[in-house]
């Protein structure tokens, strides 16, 4: 039977007890981690979020009724223990922060009993994630997940402190806003009072924070909840948290400078790691050419090499055919892997096909200098020697090539480089390597929409020197946009915003908006800009992704208390679920059942 606390007060958390408290009476409360009954000696480990403390019930030293009660304790019972802190009579447990002390109990209360959990509450559990997420409230008792959430809380606290000291105001922006079709899909919220109308949950506070600059707030910060109805992956969730900011009367360097100091302080105070300032900068073009990615992992080398000029007149049709179509031929030198089995090379070929490549060509340079290649018969000895020289190939190296449209080659070799980095353990997993990626293209061509779309959003400022190109060659216009990248992950991004009417109108024109369409979607912002808008810029971090990297985790689900799974559902609450018919009627909604085709009915 569970007992009440009856005025009992906790004096310490379990992990806070130290040898300095020897001889003092304390009261701890928590969950039973283990109960080891040795007959007249019962060892009970009590756990809370701070750690574990051992409580020793011993015949002759402990009241008989208390010893009998302790022997019946089971894992996950919630208990309160009052007793005296003593140095351990047995061996010190070096793996525990409290390993040199124990509690000799004088009182024990069972505050709550527990059924046998569906999986052990322990670090680095092997239990399937689906089971853990169904019982997430139990999963969150595990010390490793609790450490992740405590680290996240620390990051949020330090973020607020830092930006408050820098003169930023924390302002909340609405959750129920105007839905906009540009960008990712919105989550829609039907309005009961306005039948047939919908709010959109914010994908970011972008428009509101620009309005706050119009309102003279000068420096804004918010730890903001955001929502995007898009497909999930390891570092993406349908609802997530941004560290969102906007600054007035600034340019690119001002935003970067304050954020470098923020990252430096954050990593120093949370992880004890010094971030070298200034953080390296690299243009988008350089990042793509060297690493095939606008979020390059700089913890290791293995850069892409453009060999288009070297092979343009060779006899290998795959290379020359790609170049004739306006494409490119690039390669990776995988040092020391010339003896890689063909079966493994075939797996790498299958890997790049997921990124649009038709295949991989390879040259394996043997230790004696001889060559094995998938295309050697199409090349003269001179052509092959020139190609190997261009790739800095040496005996024992494996050279891998892709030939296709530039984007396909970048995407496939960029992803292959990262995959090989992981497989061959080419980088220090404990290293943190930052880089700013700057000068992104302002626009990118959408084959689906047959028009240019904004790479970031329609309010990103073009680089002034590229403005003359916006009419003649819009694809070459660079943006005053910047991403902060850590270990191959974009952790934040932002830009200088357009604040001039003529530039904004030109941007909408290039994007294919009529003036009426622009005002239909963004009229409230454009109207606000008529009343004096300061030059402004901003940046937003993905808080969950940042904490994931700081905690050394592979998935953001491990730093979110109650995450969704790949189909955006919650295994614990079973959300989303059908709405009650009365609710639908109040909202003027009718759920249409999907009609099965004749073929489906026959199955």
Protein backbone atom coordinates (compact mmCIF):
# COMPACT_ATOMS: atom_id res chain seq x y z
CA UNK A 1 0.00 0.00 0.00
CA UNK A 2 1.26 3.47 -0.89
CA UNK A 3 1.89 5.80 2.01
CA UNK A 4 1.52 9.58 2.17
CA UNK A 5 4.40 11.95 2.81
CA UNK A 6 2.72 13.19 6.05
CA UNK A 7 4.76 16.38 6.12
CA UNK A 8 8.06 14.66 5.26
CA UNK A 9 10.38 17.01 3.31
CA UNK A 10 13.15 16.07 0.91
CA UNK A 11 16.46 17.58 2.05
CA UNK A 12 18.69 16.57 -0.86
CA UNK A 13 18.54 14.99 -4.30
CA UNK A 14 20.26 11.61 -4.47
CA UNK A 15 23.22 12.70 -6.60
CA UNK A 16 23.87 15.77 -4.45
CA UNK A 17 25.05 13.77 -1.44
CA UNK A 18 28.81 13.85 -0.78
CA UNK A 19 31.28 12.68 1.84
CA UNK A 20 31.14 16.21 3.29
CA UNK A 21 27.69 15.29 4.68
CA UNK A 22 29.03 12.29 6.66
CA UNK A 23 27.15 11.91 9.94
CA UNK A 24 24.27 14.17 8.88
CA UNK A 25 20.64 13.08 8.67
CA UNK A 26 19.12 13.45 5.22
CA UNK A 27 15.87 12.59 3.44
CA UNK A 28 15.95 11.53 -0.20
CA UNK A 29 13.06 10.60 -2.48
CA UNK A 30 13.07 8.78 -5.78
CA UNK A 31 12.65 5.50 -7.64
CA UNK A 32 14.10 2.12 -6.71
CA UNK A 33 16.76 1.32 -9.30
CA UNK A 34 17.83 -2.02 -7.81
CA UNK A 35 17.08 -4.11 -4.74
CA UNK A 36 19.71 -6.69 -3.80
CA UNK A 37 18.55 -8.94 -0.94
CA UNK A 38 21.44 -10.83 0.68
CA UNK A 39 19.36 -12.32 3.52
CA UNK A 40 20.06 -10.15 6.54
CA UNK A 41 21.49 -7.44 4.31
CA UNK A 42 19.44 -5.46 1.74
CA UNK A 43 21.06 -2.97 -0.64
CA UNK A 44 18.61 -0.55 -2.29
CA UNK A 45 19.74 1.90 -5.00
CA UNK A 46 17.47 4.98 -5.07
CA UNK A 47 17.49 7.10 -8.23
CA UNK A 48 16.28 10.56 -9.16
CA UNK A 49 17.30 12.86 -12.02
CA UNK A 50 20.51 13.88 -10.21
CA UNK A 51 21.89 10.36 -9.77
CA UNK A 52 21.83 7.26 -7.56
CA UNK A 53 22.52 6.69 -3.85
CA UNK A 54 22.90 3.33 -2.11
CA UNK A 55 20.81 2.67 1.02
CA UNK A 56 21.95 -0.23 3.25
CA UNK A 57 19.42 -2.07 5.44
CA UNK A 58 21.38 -4.41 7.76
CA UNK A 59 20.10 -6.86 10.34
CA UNK A 60 21.09 -5.72 13.82
CA UNK A 61 21.53 -2.10 12.69
CA UNK A 62 18.15 -1.57 11.06
CA UNK A 63 14.76 -1.94 12.75
CA UNK A 64 13.33 -5.39 11.88
CA UNK A 65 10.12 -4.03 10.37
CA UNK A 66 12.15 -1.67 8.19
CA UNK A 67 14.40 -4.48 6.94
CA UNK A 68 11.36 -6.61 6.07
CA UNK A 69 9.77 -3.66 4.25
CA UNK A 70 12.97 -3.00 2.28
CA UNK A 71 13.17 -6.64 1.18
CA UNK A 72 9.79 -6.27 -0.55
CA UNK A 73 10.78 -3.24 -2.62
CA UNK A 74 10.73 -3.71 -6.40
CA UNK A 75 12.16 -1.76 -9.31
CA UNK A 76 10.44 1.59 -9.93
CA UNK A 77 8.70 1.77 -6.54
CA UNK A 78 8.71 5.41 -5.41
CA UNK A 79 10.22 5.72 -1.94
CA UNK A 80 11.25 8.25 0.69
CA UNK A 81 14.27 7.33 2.81
CA UNK A 82 15.44 9.14 5.94
CA UNK A 83 18.82 8.21 7.37
CA UNK A 84 22.41 9.13 8.10
CA UNK A 85 25.13 9.59 5.48
CA UNK A 86 28.10 7.30 6.15
CA UNK A 87 31.24 6.31 4.25
CA UNK A 88 30.80 2.97 2.51
CA UNK A 89 31.72 -0.03 4.59
CA UNK A 90 32.50 -1.98 1.42
CA UNK A 91 34.42 -1.10 -1.71
CA UNK A 92 34.05 2.36 -3.20
CA UNK A 93 32.07 2.40 -6.49
CA UNK A 94 34.24 4.56 -8.77
CA UNK A 95 31.55 4.67 -11.49
CA UNK A 96 29.08 6.53 -9.22
CA UNK A 97 29.38 10.15 -8.14
CA UNK A 98 28.08 8.99 -4.73
CA UNK A 99 30.20 5.84 -4.82
CA UNK A 100 32.11 6.51 -1.59
CA UNK A 101 29.04 7.00 0.63
CA UNK A 102 25.77 5.29 1.55
CA UNK A 103 22.70 5.99 3.67
CA UNK A 104 22.07 4.05 6.88
CA UNK A 105 18.26 4.30 7.08
CA UNK A 106 16.05 5.22 10.00
CA UNK A 107 12.82 5.55 8.03
CA UNK A 108 11.34 4.19 4.79
CA UNK A 109 8.05 5.09 3.14
CA UNK A 110 6.67 3.52 -0.03
CA UNK A 111 5.02 6.50 -1.74
CA UNK A 112 3.93 4.55 -4.79
CA UNK A 113 4.16 0.96 -6.03
CA UNK A 114 4.97 -0.03 -9.61
CA UNK A 115 4.14 -2.83 -11.97
CA UNK A 116 7.10 -4.48 -13.69
CA UNK A 117 8.13 -2.01 -16.43
CA UNK A 118 8.00 -3.23 -20.06
CA UNK A 119 11.76 -2.64 -20.33
CA UNK A 120 14.63 -2.00 -17.90
CA UNK A 121 15.13 1.62 -16.87
CA UNK A 122 18.83 1.85 -17.67
CA UNK A 123 21.28 3.78 -19.83
CA UNK A 124 21.92 2.78 -23.45
CA UNK A 125 19.00 0.36 -23.47
CA UNK A 126 18.68 -2.10 -26.37
CA UNK A 127 14.88 -1.89 -26.26
CA UNK A 128 13.27 -1.06 -29.64
CA UNK A 129 12.51 2.63 -30.05
CA UNK A 130 8.84 1.93 -30.85
CA UNK A 131 8.39 0.35 -27.41
CA UNK A 132 10.28 3.12 -25.65
CA UNK A 133 8.20 5.82 -27.35
CA UNK A 134 4.94 4.08 -26.45
CA UNK A 135 6.02 4.25 -22.80
CA UNK A 136 7.90 7.53 -23.15
CA UNK A 137 7.23 8.54 -19.53
CA UNK A 138 9.25 5.47 -18.49
CA UNK A 139 11.89 6.01 -21.17
CA UNK A 140 12.43 9.53 -19.83
CA UNK A 141 13.47 8.09 -16.47
CA UNK A 142 16.65 6.79 -18.08
CA UNK A 143 19.66 8.85 -16.93
CA UNK A 144 21.02 9.43 -20.47
CA UNK A 145 17.74 10.96 -21.69
CA UNK A 146 17.42 13.00 -18.51
CA UNK A 147 20.92 14.38 -19.06
CA UNK A 148 19.92 15.38 -22.60
CA UNK A 149 16.87 17.30 -21.37
CA UNK A 150 18.87 18.95 -18.58
CA UNK A 151 21.48 20.01 -21.14
CA UNK A 152 18.70 21.45 -23.31
CA UNK A 153 17.31 23.38 -20.35
CA UNK A 154 20.79 24.74 -19.64
CA UNK A 155 21.17 25.85 -23.27
CA UNK A 156 17.82 27.66 -23.15
CA UNK A 157 18.68 29.40 -19.87
CA UNK A 158 22.10 30.56 -21.11
CA UNK A 159 20.57 31.69 -24.42
CA UNK A 160 18.11 33.93 -22.63
CA UNK A 161 20.84 35.30 -20.35
CA UNK A 162 23.26 36.05 -23.18
CA UNK A 163 20.82 37.84 -25.44
CA UNK A 164 19.27 39.78 -22.55
CA UNK A 165 22.77 41.08 -21.73
CA UNK A 166 23.16 42.05 -25.41
CA UNK A 167 20.02 44.22 -25.30
CA UNK A 168 17.58 41.82 -26.95
CA UNK A 169 13.92 41.85 -25.92
CA UNK A 170 12.11 38.53 -25.60
CA UNK A 171 8.78 38.93 -27.41
CA UNK A 172 6.17 36.23 -28.04
CA UNK A 173 4.63 36.06 -31.51
CA UNK A 174 1.27 34.43 -32.38
CA UNK A 175 0.72 30.71 -32.90
CA UNK A 176 -2.46 31.31 -34.90
CA UNK A 177 -1.49 33.25 -38.00
CA UNK A 178 -2.11 33.63 -41.71
CA UNK A 179 -1.46 30.56 -43.85
CA UNK A 180 0.98 31.10 -46.73
CA UNK A 181 1.44 28.63 -49.63
CA UNK A 182 5.13 29.47 -50.17
CA UNK A 183 7.69 27.08 -48.65
CA UNK A 184 6.83 23.95 -46.67
CA UNK A 185 3.23 22.90 -46.01
CA UNK A 186 1.41 24.61 -43.15
CA UNK A 187 -0.53 22.89 -40.41
CA UNK A 188 -4.04 24.35 -40.70
CA UNK A 189 -6.35 25.16 -37.78
CA UNK A 190 -10.04 25.62 -38.70
CA UNK A 191 -11.87 28.59 -37.24
CA UNK A 192 -15.25 27.98 -35.59
CA UNK A 193 -16.15 31.68 -35.57
CA UNK A 194 -15.16 32.19 -39.23
CA UNK A 195 -16.56 29.11 -41.03
CA UNK A 196 -14.46 27.94 -43.95
CA UNK A 197 -11.44 29.95 -42.81
CA UNK A 198 -8.20 28.60 -41.37
CA UNK A 199 -5.25 29.75 -39.35
CA UNK A 200 -1.79 28.48 -40.20
CA UNK A 201 0.53 27.37 -37.41
CA UNK A 202 3.85 29.23 -37.80
CA UNK A 203 6.65 27.62 -39.78
CA UNK A 204 8.75 30.36 -38.22
CA UNK A 205 8.04 33.82 -36.73
CA UNK A 206 9.65 35.40 -39.82
CA UNK A 207 7.01 37.99 -40.76
CA UNK A 208 6.20 38.90 -37.17
CA UNK A 209 9.83 39.51 -36.25
CA UNK A 210 10.24 41.79 -39.27
CA UNK A 211 7.15 43.68 -38.11
CA UNK A 212 8.77 43.99 -34.67
CA UNK A 213 11.69 45.73 -36.37
CA UNK A 214 9.18 48.08 -38.03
CA UNK A 215 7.77 48.66 -34.54
CA UNK A 216 11.16 49.82 -33.24
CA UNK A 217 11.93 46.85 -30.97
CA UNK A 218 15.51 47.02 -32.35
CA UNK A 219 16.68 43.61 -31.07
CA UNK A 220 14.26 40.69 -30.69
CA UNK A 221 14.78 37.15 -29.38
CA UNK A 222 12.35 34.29 -28.89
CA UNK A 223 12.59 30.59 -28.15
CA UNK A 224 9.76 29.82 -30.53
CA UNK A 225 7.68 26.73 -31.29
CA UNK A 226 7.36 26.15 -35.04
CA UNK A 227 5.41 23.67 -37.19
CA UNK A 228 5.98 22.20 -40.64
CA UNK A 229 3.85 19.53 -42.29
CA UNK A 230 6.68 17.76 -44.11
CA UNK A 231 8.28 14.34 -44.23
CA UNK A 232 10.35 13.42 -41.20
CA UNK A 233 13.95 12.24 -40.84
CA UNK A 234 16.45 11.81 -38.00
CA UNK A 235 16.94 15.56 -37.50
CA UNK A 236 13.42 16.78 -38.37
CA UNK A 237 10.09 16.85 -36.49
CA UNK A 238 6.65 18.29 -37.39
CA UNK A 239 6.90 20.58 -34.36
CA UNK A 240 10.24 21.95 -33.27
CA UNK A 241 11.88 24.83 -31.44
CA UNK A 242 13.86 27.74 -32.87
CA UNK A 243 16.14 30.24 -31.20
CA UNK A 244 14.84 33.12 -33.29
CA UNK A 245 16.31 36.61 -33.50
CA UNK A 246 16.16 39.82 -35.53
CA UNK A 247 18.31 42.98 -35.32
CA UNK A 248 17.86 46.49 -36.71
CA UNK A 249 20.49 48.76 -38.29
CA UNK A 250 22.88 45.88 -38.99
CA UNK A 251 24.56 44.06 -41.87
CA UNK A 252 25.97 40.53 -42.30
CA UNK A 253 29.07 41.04 -40.15
CA UNK A 254 27.06 42.40 -37.20
CA UNK A 255 24.80 39.34 -37.04
CA UNK A 256 27.74 36.96 -37.39
CA UNK A 257 29.76 38.75 -34.70
CA UNK A 258 27.11 38.58 -31.97
CA UNK A 259 26.35 34.95 -32.80
CA UNK A 260 30.00 33.92 -32.69
CA UNK A 261 30.21 35.31 -29.18
CA UNK A 262 26.99 33.48 -28.28
CA UNK A 263 28.29 30.14 -29.56
CA UNK A 264 31.63 30.68 -27.83
CA UNK A 265 29.97 31.31 -24.48
CA UNK A 266 27.44 28.50 -24.92
CA UNK A 267 30.03 25.81 -25.68
CA UNK A 268 32.41 27.05 -22.99
CA UNK A 269 29.83 27.12 -20.19
CA UNK A 270 27.86 24.00 -21.16
CA UNK A 271 30.56 21.67 -22.53
CA UNK A 272 33.82 23.30 -21.41
CA UNK A 273 34.89 23.62 -25.07
CA UNK A 274 36.58 26.71 -26.50
CA UNK A 275 35.26 27.73 -29.93
CA UNK A 276 38.05 29.37 -31.92
CA UNK A 277 36.95 32.85 -33.07
CA UNK A 278 36.46 34.16 -35.63
CA UNK A 279 34.70 31.13 -37.09
CA UNK A 280 35.85 30.25 -40.59
CA UNK A 281 33.75 31.55 -43.50
CA UNK A 282 33.24 29.89 -46.87
CA UNK A 283 31.09 30.97 -49.81
CA UNK A 284 28.31 28.69 -51.02
CA UNK A 285 30.09 28.22 -54.34
CA UNK A 286 33.35 27.15 -52.67
CA UNK A 287 31.52 24.74 -50.36
CA UNK A 288 29.69 23.09 -53.25
CA UNK A 289 32.80 22.85 -55.45
CA UNK A 290 35.01 21.42 -52.70
CA UNK A 291 32.56 19.32 -50.69
CA UNK A 292 29.41 18.90 -52.81
CA UNK A 293 27.36 20.30 -49.94
CA UNK A 294 26.30 23.66 -48.50
CA UNK A 295 26.71 22.12 -45.04
CA UNK A 296 30.19 20.60 -45.29
CA UNK A 297 31.67 18.45 -42.53
CA UNK A 298 35.17 19.92 -42.14
CA UNK A 299 36.38 17.39 -39.58
CA UNK A 300 38.07 15.50 -42.42
CA UNK A 301 39.41 16.12 -45.94
CA UNK A 302 38.61 14.08 -49.07
CA UNK A 303 37.47 16.99 -51.23
CA UNK A 304 35.81 16.79 -54.65
CA UNK A 305 38.09 17.36 -57.65
CA UNK A 306 36.72 18.72 -60.94
CA UNK A 307 38.34 16.69 -63.76
CA UNK A 308 36.03 17.88 -66.55
CA UNK A 309 38.87 19.56 -68.49
CA UNK A 310 41.09 16.50 -68.09
CA UNK A 311 38.57 14.02 -69.56
CA UNK A 312 36.73 16.23 -72.09
CA UNK A 313 38.45 14.57 -75.06
CA UNK A 314 38.85 11.04 -73.65
CA UNK A 315 37.30 7.93 -75.13
CA UNK A 316 34.94 7.19 -72.22
CA UNK A 317 31.44 8.09 -73.43
CA UNK A 318 29.96 8.37 -69.91
CA UNK A 319 32.32 11.26 -69.17
CA UNK A 320 32.15 13.01 -72.54
CA UNK A 321 28.38 12.48 -72.82
CA UNK A 322 27.78 14.23 -69.49
CA UNK A 323 30.02 17.12 -70.53
CA UNK A 324 28.28 17.44 -73.91
CA UNK A 325 25.00 17.86 -72.02
CA UNK A 326 26.46 20.74 -69.99
CA UNK A 327 27.27 18.56 -66.99
CA UNK A 328 30.44 17.94 -65.01
CA UNK A 329 32.82 15.12 -64.07
CA UNK A 330 34.19 15.10 -60.54
CA UNK A 331 35.97 12.63 -58.34
CA UNK A 332 36.91 11.65 -54.77
CA UNK A 333 40.30 10.24 -53.78
CA UNK A 334 39.68 7.70 -51.04
CA UNK A 335 43.21 7.43 -49.67
CA UNK A 336 44.51 3.97 -48.83
CA UNK A 337 41.42 2.12 -50.10
CA UNK A 338 42.75 0.80 -53.39
CA UNK A 339 42.19 -2.77 -52.21
CA UNK A 340 38.49 -2.19 -51.44
CA UNK A 341 36.53 -5.30 -52.58
CA UNK A 342 34.36 -4.91 -55.69
CA UNK A 343 31.29 -5.90 -53.67
CA UNK A 344 31.82 -2.88 -51.40
CA UNK A 345 32.33 -0.57 -54.39
CA UNK A 346 29.03 -1.89 -55.77
CA UNK A 347 27.33 -0.91 -52.50
CA UNK A 348 28.74 2.60 -52.81
CA UNK A 349 27.40 2.70 -56.38
CA UNK A 350 23.95 1.75 -55.12
CA UNK A 351 24.27 4.45 -52.44
CA UNK A 352 24.86 7.30 -54.92
CA UNK A 353 21.92 6.18 -57.05
CA UNK A 354 19.65 7.34 -54.22
CA UNK A 355 20.96 10.86 -54.96
CA UNK A 356 20.21 10.74 -58.69
CA UNK A 357 23.56 9.46 -59.98
CA UNK A 358 23.46 6.78 -62.67
CA UNK A 359 26.50 5.07 -61.20
CA UNK A 360 30.13 5.37 -60.08
CA UNK A 361 33.24 4.92 -62.18
CA UNK A 362 36.34 3.86 -60.30
CA UNK A 363 40.10 3.52 -60.53
CA UNK A 364 41.85 1.34 -57.94
CA UNK A 365 45.60 2.02 -57.84
CA UNK A 366 47.41 -1.07 -56.59
CA UNK A 367 50.42 -0.91 -54.28
CA UNK A 368 52.69 -1.83 -57.22
CA UNK A 369 51.29 1.11 -59.24
CA UNK A 370 49.16 -1.00 -61.58
CA UNK A 371 45.56 0.02 -62.17
CA UNK A 372 42.20 -1.73 -61.92
CA UNK A 373 39.37 0.31 -63.36
CA UNK A 374 35.77 0.03 -64.52
CA UNK A 375 36.56 2.13 -67.62
CA UNK A 376 40.29 1.63 -68.35
CA UNK A 377 39.53 -0.02 -71.71
CA UNK A 378 38.01 3.24 -72.95
CA UNK A 379 41.07 5.33 -72.04
CA UNK A 380 44.59 5.50 -73.43
CA UNK A 381 47.45 5.05 -70.99
CA UNK A 382 48.23 8.77 -71.27
CA UNK A 383 44.60 9.75 -70.55
CA UNK A 384 44.50 7.46 -67.51
CA UNK A 385 47.83 8.77 -66.23
CA UNK A 386 46.60 12.39 -66.63
CA UNK A 387 43.41 11.58 -64.73
CA UNK A 388 45.32 9.95 -61.88
CA UNK A 389 47.70 12.93 -61.68
CA UNK A 390 44.75 15.36 -61.56
CA UNK A 391 43.34 13.36 -58.62
CA UNK A 392 46.73 13.23 -56.80
CA UNK A 393 46.41 9.45 -57.00
CA UNK A 394 49.10 7.35 -55.33
CA UNK A 395 49.62 3.60 -54.96
CA UNK A 396 46.94 2.23 -52.62
CA UNK A 397 44.32 4.92 -53.45
CA UNK A 398 40.76 4.42 -54.72
CA UNK A 399 39.43 7.07 -57.11
CA UNK A 400 35.66 7.37 -57.49
CA UNK A 401 33.97 9.44 -60.21
CA UNK A 402 30.48 10.73 -61.01
CA UNK A 403 29.47 12.29 -64.33
CA UNK A 404 26.10 14.04 -64.70
CA UNK A 405 24.36 17.38 -64.26
CA UNK A 406 26.24 19.55 -61.80
CA UNK A 407 23.61 19.28 -59.04
CA UNK A 408 23.45 15.48 -59.31
CA UNK A 409 27.25 15.21 -59.10
CA UNK A 410 27.40 17.58 -56.13
CA UNK A 411 24.59 15.79 -54.28
CA UNK A 412 25.83 12.25 -54.92
CA UNK A 413 29.55 12.79 -54.28
CA UNK A 414 28.83 15.12 -51.35
CA UNK A 415 26.70 12.43 -49.68
CA UNK A 416 29.23 9.71 -50.61
CA UNK A 417 32.04 11.71 -49.01
CA UNK A 418 30.13 11.88 -45.71
CA UNK A 419 29.21 8.19 -45.89
CA UNK A 420 32.85 7.19 -46.48
CA UNK A 421 33.91 9.49 -43.65
CA UNK A 422 31.64 7.53 -41.31
CA UNK A 423 32.50 4.08 -42.65
CA UNK A 424 36.26 4.67 -42.56
CA UNK A 425 36.14 6.64 -39.26
CA UNK A 426 37.99 9.57 -40.77
CA UNK A 427 36.96 12.11 -38.14
CA UNK A 428 37.02 12.60 -34.38
CA UNK A 429 33.45 12.16 -33.11
CA UNK A 430 34.22 14.42 -30.16
CA UNK A 431 35.41 17.33 -32.31
CA UNK A 432 33.24 20.39 -33.03
CA UNK A 433 34.02 22.10 -36.33
CA UNK A 434 32.06 25.26 -37.21
CA UNK A 435 31.88 27.11 -40.52
CA UNK A 436 29.78 30.00 -41.85
CA UNK A 437 28.45 29.43 -45.37
CA UNK A 438 27.80 32.77 -47.09
CA UNK A 439 26.69 34.23 -50.43
CA UNK A 440 24.00 31.68 -51.23
CA UNK A 441 22.20 31.96 -54.56
CA UNK A 442 19.21 34.25 -54.12
CA UNK A 443 17.04 32.04 -56.35
CA UNK A 444 16.85 28.46 -57.56
CA UNK A 445 14.97 27.12 -60.55
CA UNK A 446 11.99 24.86 -59.79
CA UNK A 447 11.35 22.31 -62.56
CA UNK A 448 8.02 21.49 -60.91
CA UNK A 449 6.77 25.09 -60.90
CA UNK A 450 8.71 26.14 -64.03
CA UNK A 451 9.88 29.33 -62.36
CA UNK A 452 12.47 30.71 -59.97
CA UNK A 453 11.75 30.27 -56.27
CA UNK A 454 13.51 31.91 -53.32
CA UNK A 455 16.25 29.70 -51.89
CA UNK A 456 15.48 31.17 -48.45
CA UNK A 457 12.38 33.40 -48.57
CA UNK A 458 11.10 36.33 -50.67
CA UNK A 459 12.43 38.94 -48.20
CA UNK A 460 16.14 38.06 -48.51
CA UNK A 461 18.35 40.93 -49.68
CA UNK A 462 20.42 40.41 -52.85
CA UNK A 463 24.07 41.41 -52.71
CA UNK A 464 24.16 45.02 -53.92
CA UNK A 465 26.78 44.36 -56.61
CA UNK A 466 24.56 41.63 -58.12
CA UNK A 467 21.38 43.73 -58.35
CA UNK A 468 21.98 44.60 -62.06
CA UNK A 469 21.80 40.85 -62.86
CA UNK A 470 18.31 40.38 -61.45
CA UNK A 471 16.70 41.16 -64.83
CA UNK A 472 19.28 39.64 -67.15
CA UNK A 473 20.60 36.57 -65.27
CA UNK A 474 18.63 36.07 -62.01
CA UNK A 475 20.19 32.64 -61.38
CA UNK A 476 23.58 34.29 -60.78
CA UNK A 477 22.37 36.74 -58.15
CA UNK A 478 23.87 36.06 -54.74
CA UNK A 479 22.00 36.67 -51.50
CA UNK A 480 23.08 38.30 -48.27
CA UNK A 481 22.30 34.98 -46.63
CA UNK A 482 24.37 32.93 -44.20
CA UNK A 483 24.16 29.53 -42.52
CA UNK A 484 26.10 28.38 -39.48
CA UNK A 485 27.18 24.75 -39.94
CA UNK A 486 28.51 22.35 -37.31
CA UNK A 487 29.98 18.94 -38.20
CA UNK A 488 28.06 18.75 -41.46
CA UNK A 489 24.75 19.93 -39.97
CA UNK A 490 23.10 23.27 -40.58
CA UNK A 491 22.30 24.47 -37.06
CA UNK A 492 21.14 27.95 -38.01
CA UNK A 493 20.51 30.24 -40.92
CA UNK A 494 19.49 33.77 -41.68
CA UNK A 495 19.87 36.75 -43.95
CA UNK A 496 19.77 40.48 -44.33
CA UNK A 497 16.19 41.44 -45.27
CA UNK A 498 14.98 43.67 -48.07
CA UNK A 499 13.81 47.02 -46.70
CA UNK A 500 13.56 49.01 -49.96
CA UNK A 501 10.23 49.05 -51.82
CA UNK A 502 11.74 48.90 -55.31
CA UNK A 503 13.96 45.90 -54.51
CA UNK A 504 11.07 44.05 -52.87
CA UNK A 505 8.80 44.68 -55.86
CA UNK A 506 11.53 43.43 -58.21
CA UNK A 507 11.96 40.30 -56.07
CA UNK A 508 8.25 39.52 -56.27
CA UNK A 509 8.33 40.12 -60.03
CA UNK A 510 11.20 37.63 -60.52
CA UNK A 511 9.34 35.08 -58.39
CA UNK A 512 6.31 35.40 -60.68
CA UNK A 513 4.05 37.26 -58.23
CA UNK A 514 1.68 39.89 -59.53
CA UNK A 515 1.28 42.93 -57.29
CA UNK A 516 -2.17 41.63 -56.34
CA UNK A 517 -0.78 38.20 -55.38
CA UNK A 518 2.00 39.76 -53.32
CA UNK A 519 -0.49 41.92 -51.41
CA UNK A 520 -2.90 39.02 -50.99
CA UNK A 521 -0.24 37.00 -49.15
CA UNK A 522 1.98 39.64 -47.56
CA UNK A 523 -0.04 42.85 -47.68
CA UNK A 524 0.18 43.50 -43.93
CA UNK A 525 3.99 43.42 -44.10
CA UNK A 526 4.22 45.50 -47.28
CA UNK A 527 1.85 48.08 -45.79
CA UNK A 528 3.99 48.25 -42.65
CA UNK A 529 7.06 48.91 -44.80
CA UNK A 530 5.40 52.13 -46.08
CA UNK A 531 5.82 53.73 -42.65
CA UNK A 532 9.58 53.72 -42.23
CA UNK A 533 11.36 50.40 -41.92
CA UNK A 534 14.94 50.14 -40.64
CA UNK A 535 17.57 47.99 -42.36
CA UNK A 536 17.36 44.67 -40.51
CA UNK A 537 18.68 41.13 -40.50
CA UNK A 538 18.21 37.99 -38.47
CA UNK A 539 19.04 34.39 -37.83
CA UNK A 540 17.35 31.32 -36.33
CA UNK A 541 18.89 28.21 -34.83
CA UNK A 542 17.23 24.82 -34.74
CA UNK A 543 17.43 24.36 -30.97
CA UNK A 544 16.73 20.63 -31.05
CA UNK A 545 19.39 19.96 -33.70
CA UNK A 546 21.95 22.12 -31.87
CA UNK A 547 21.35 20.26 -28.59
CA UNK A 548 21.44 16.91 -30.42
CA UNK A 549 24.98 17.68 -31.60
CA UNK A 550 26.08 19.04 -28.23
CA UNK A 551 24.77 15.88 -26.54
CA UNK A 552 26.44 13.59 -29.09
CA UNK A 553 23.14 12.03 -30.18
CA UNK A 554 22.19 10.66 -33.60
CA UNK A 555 18.52 11.77 -33.56
CA UNK A 556 16.68 14.86 -32.32
CA UNK A 557 14.09 12.50 -30.83
CA UNK A 558 16.61 11.89 -28.05
CA UNK A 559 16.57 15.55 -27.00
CA UNK A 560 12.79 16.10 -27.26
CA UNK A 561 10.60 15.01 -24.34
CA UNK A 562 7.67 13.72 -26.40
CA UNK A 563 8.67 13.36 -30.07
CA UNK A 564 6.72 12.10 -33.05
CA UNK A 565 7.74 9.17 -35.26
CA UNK A 566 8.24 9.11 -39.05
CA UNK A 567 4.55 9.34 -39.94
CA UNK A 568 4.16 12.35 -37.58
CA UNK A 569 2.19 10.32 -35.05
CA UNK A 570 2.69 10.00 -31.29
CA UNK A 571 2.93 6.36 -30.21
CA UNK A 572 2.19 7.25 -26.59
CA UNK A 573 -1.01 9.29 -26.99
CA UNK A 574 -1.91 7.79 -30.40
CA UNK A 575 -2.34 11.31 -31.85
CA UNK A 576 -3.58 12.22 -34.39
CA UNK A 577 -7.03 10.70 -33.90
CA UNK A 578 -10.39 11.30 -35.61
CA UNK A 579 -12.35 14.26 -34.25
CA UNK A 580 -15.76 13.91 -32.64
CA UNK A 581 -18.64 14.47 -35.08
CA UNK A 582 -19.97 17.34 -32.94
CA UNK A 583 -16.59 19.10 -33.13
CA UNK A 584 -16.55 18.72 -36.91
CA UNK A 585 -20.06 20.15 -37.19
CA UNK A 586 -19.15 23.16 -35.03
CA UNK A 587 -16.19 23.83 -37.35
CA UNK A 588 -18.24 23.30 -40.52
CA UNK A 589 -16.01 20.42 -41.59
CA UNK A 590 -16.93 17.23 -43.41
CA UNK A 591 -14.45 14.37 -43.51
CA UNK A 592 -14.70 12.66 -46.86
CA UNK A 593 -13.92 8.95 -46.85
CA UNK A 594 -11.47 7.84 -49.52
CA UNK A 595 -13.27 5.89 -52.24
CA UNK A 596 -11.65 2.59 -53.19
CA UNK A 597 -11.10 1.85 -56.85
CA UNK A 598 -12.52 -1.30 -58.45
CA UNK A 599 -9.02 -2.86 -58.43
CA UNK A 600 -8.59 -2.11 -54.71
CA UNK A 601 -12.01 -3.61 -53.88
CA UNK A 602 -11.11 -6.83 -55.69
CA UNK A 603 -7.98 -7.34 -53.57
